[in-house]
Amino acid sequence: MEHNTEEPGQGDSQPAEQHQPTGEPRVDEALQSLDELGSLPVSAHPGVFEQVHASLQEVLGELDLDPGPVAGAQRPQRLSG
């Protein structure tokens, strides 16, 4: 198994895919952090992933505290039985 040990800017690199806005500024900001991975050495990636994960957990945790409806979302229909 071969690992790529090249530094940023070396070898074959494809442009980072741009993320569609989610409507939640904190989620959008976290996802934008992922777009910067291509310019960072691989050794810095875990720190970025941990930061993004923590940010997304925080947003999801707040959703758990606020059970109100989400704009545009529909609640699943309950089956009567």
C-alpha atoms as a PDB file:
ATOM      1  CA  MET A   1       0.000   0.000   0.000  1.00  0.00           C
ATOM      2  CA  GLU A   2       1.489   3.297  -1.085  1.00  0.00           C
ATOM      3  CA  HIS A   3       0.912   6.613   0.719  1.00  0.00           C
ATOM      4  CA  ASN A   4       1.127  10.023  -0.875  1.00  0.00           C
ATOM      5  CA  THR A   5       3.709  12.015   1.054  1.00  0.00           C
ATOM      6  CA  GLU A   6       3.848  14.960  -1.319  1.00  0.00           C
ATOM      7  CA  GLU A   7       3.524  18.472   0.006  1.00  0.00           C
ATOM      8  CA  PRO A   8       0.711  20.778  -1.195  1.00  0.00           C
ATOM      9  CA  GLY A   9       1.113  22.002  -4.728  1.00  0.00           C
ATOM     10  CA  GLN A  10       3.016  18.894  -5.852  1.00  0.00           C
ATOM     11  CA  GLY A  11       1.755  16.042  -7.979  1.00  0.00           C
ATOM     12  CA  ASP A  12      -1.707  15.660  -9.425  1.00  0.00           C
ATOM     13  CA  SER A  13      -4.212  17.769  -7.581  1.00  0.00           C
ATOM     14  CA  GLN A  14      -7.740  18.521  -8.534  1.00  0.00           C
ATOM     15  CA  PRO A  15      -9.493  21.745  -7.593  1.00  0.00           C
ATOM     16  CA  ALA A  16     -11.496  21.526  -4.390  1.00  0.00           C
ATOM     17  CA  GLU A  17     -15.210  21.125  -4.888  1.00  0.00           C
ATOM     18  CA  GLN A  18     -17.109  24.167  -3.673  1.00  0.00           C
ATOM     19  CA  HIS A  19     -19.884  23.437  -1.191  1.00  0.00           C
ATOM     20  CA  GLN A  20     -23.434  24.616  -1.687  1.00  0.00           C
ATOM     21  CA  PRO A  21     -24.648  27.016   1.021  1.00  0.00           C
ATOM     22  CA  THR A  22     -26.669  25.229   3.674  1.00  0.00           C
ATOM     23  CA  GLY A  23     -28.485  28.259   5.053  1.00  0.00           C
ATOM     24  CA  GLU A  24     -26.747  27.833   8.425  1.00  0.00           C
ATOM     25  CA  PRO A  25     -23.744  30.201   8.585  1.00  0.00           C
ATOM     26  CA  ARG A  26     -21.839  28.073  11.129  1.00  0.00           C
ATOM     27  CA  VAL A  27     -22.179  24.940   9.008  1.00  0.00           C
ATOM     28  CA  ASP A  28     -21.131  26.860   5.890  1.00  0.00           C
ATOM     29  CA  GLU A  29     -18.085  28.200   7.722  1.00  0.00           C
ATOM     30  CA  ALA A  30     -17.120  24.715   8.899  1.00  0.00           C
ATOM     31  CA  LEU A  31     -17.452  23.301   5.387  1.00  0.00           C
ATOM     32  CA  GLN A  32     -15.346  26.126   3.972  1.00  0.00           C
ATOM     33  CA  SER A  33     -12.551  24.990   6.285  1.00  0.00           C
ATOM     34  CA  LEU A  34     -12.489  21.725   4.344  1.00  0.00           C
ATOM     35  CA  ASP A  35     -11.838  23.656   1.128  1.00  0.00           C
ATOM     36  CA  GLU A  36      -8.510  24.788   2.580  1.00  0.00           C
ATOM     37  CA  LEU A  37      -7.193  21.239   3.030  1.00  0.00           C
ATOM     38  CA  GLY A  38      -5.533  21.265  -0.393  1.00  0.00           C
ATOM     39  CA  SER A  39      -3.236  24.102   0.637  1.00  0.00           C
ATOM     40  CA  LEU A  40      -2.225  22.476   3.931  1.00  0.00           C
ATOM     41  CA  PRO A  41       0.248  19.675   4.584  1.00  0.00           C
ATOM     42  CA  VAL A  42      -1.394  16.329   5.313  1.00  0.00           C
ATOM     43  CA  SER A  43      -0.093  16.490   8.870  1.00  0.00           C
ATOM     44  CA  ALA A  44      -2.407  19.486   9.471  1.00  0.00           C
ATOM     45  CA  HIS A  45      -5.537  17.724   8.186  1.00  0.00           C
ATOM     46  CA  PRO A  46      -6.517  15.972  11.454  1.00  0.00           C
ATOM     47  CA  GLY A  47      -6.674  19.306  13.260  1.00  0.00           C
ATOM     48  CA  VAL A  48      -8.957  20.740  10.577  1.00  0.00           C
ATOM     49  CA  PHE A  49     -11.190  17.653  10.688  1.00  0.00           C
ATOM     50  CA  GLU A  50     -11.410  17.876  14.490  1.00  0.00           C
ATOM     51  CA  GLN A  51     -12.343  21.561  14.320  1.00  0.00           C
ATOM     52  CA  VAL A  52     -15.026  20.936  11.681  1.00  0.00           C
ATOM     53  CA  HIS A  53     -16.385  17.972  13.637  1.00  0.00           C
ATOM     54  CA  ALA A  54     -16.608  20.019  16.846  1.00  0.00           C
ATOM     55  CA  SER A  55     -18.363  22.874  15.046  1.00  0.00           C
ATOM     56  CA  LEU A  56     -20.917  20.562  13.454  1.00  0.00           C
ATOM     57  CA  GLN A  57     -21.532  18.769  16.771  1.00  0.00           C
ATOM     58  CA  GLU A  58     -22.205  22.124  18.424  1.00  0.00           C
ATOM     59  CA  VAL A  59     -24.782  23.065  15.791  1.00  0.00           C
ATOM     60  CA  LEU A  60     -26.445  19.641  15.974  1.00  0.00           C
ATOM     61  CA  GLY A  61     -26.477  19.808  19.778  1.00  0.00           C
ATOM     62  CA  GLU A  62     -28.401  23.059  19.594  1.00  0.00           C
ATOM     63  CA  LEU A  63     -30.942  21.403  17.298  1.00  0.00           C
ATOM     64  CA  ASP A  64     -31.492  18.732  19.938  1.00  0.00           C
ATOM     65  CA  LEU A  65     -32.263  21.480  22.477  1.00  0.00           C
ATOM     66  CA  ASP A  66     -34.742  23.249  20.160  1.00  0.00           C
ATOM     67  CA  PRO A  67     -37.309  20.729  18.896  1.00  0.00           C
ATOM     68  CA  GLY A  68     -39.127  23.398  16.866  1.00  0.00           C
ATOM     69  CA  PRO A  69     -39.790  22.842  13.167  1.00  0.00           C
ATOM     70  CA  VAL A  70     -37.031  23.519  10.669  1.00  0.00           C
ATOM     71  CA  ALA A  71     -37.985  25.851   7.822  1.00  0.00           C
ATOM     72  CA  GLY A  72     -38.948  23.805   4.781  1.00  0.00           C
ATOM     73  CA  ALA A  73     -38.807  20.498   6.637  1.00  0.00           C
ATOM     74  CA  GLN A  74     -41.775  18.195   6.896  1.00  0.00           C
ATOM     75  CA  ARG A  75     -42.336  15.880   9.802  1.00  0.00           C
ATOM     76  CA  PRO A  76     -42.812  12.202   8.886  1.00  0.00           C
ATOM     77  CA  GLN A  77     -46.385  10.938   8.913  1.00  0.00           C
ATOM     78  CA  ARG A  78     -47.212   8.482  11.684  1.00  0.00           C
ATOM     79  CA  LEU A  79     -48.816   5.256  10.631  1.00  0.00           C
ATOM     80  CA  SER A  80     -51.999   4.433  12.469  1.00  0.00           C
ATOM     81  CA  GLY A  81     -52.156   0.927  13.623  1.00  0.00           C
END
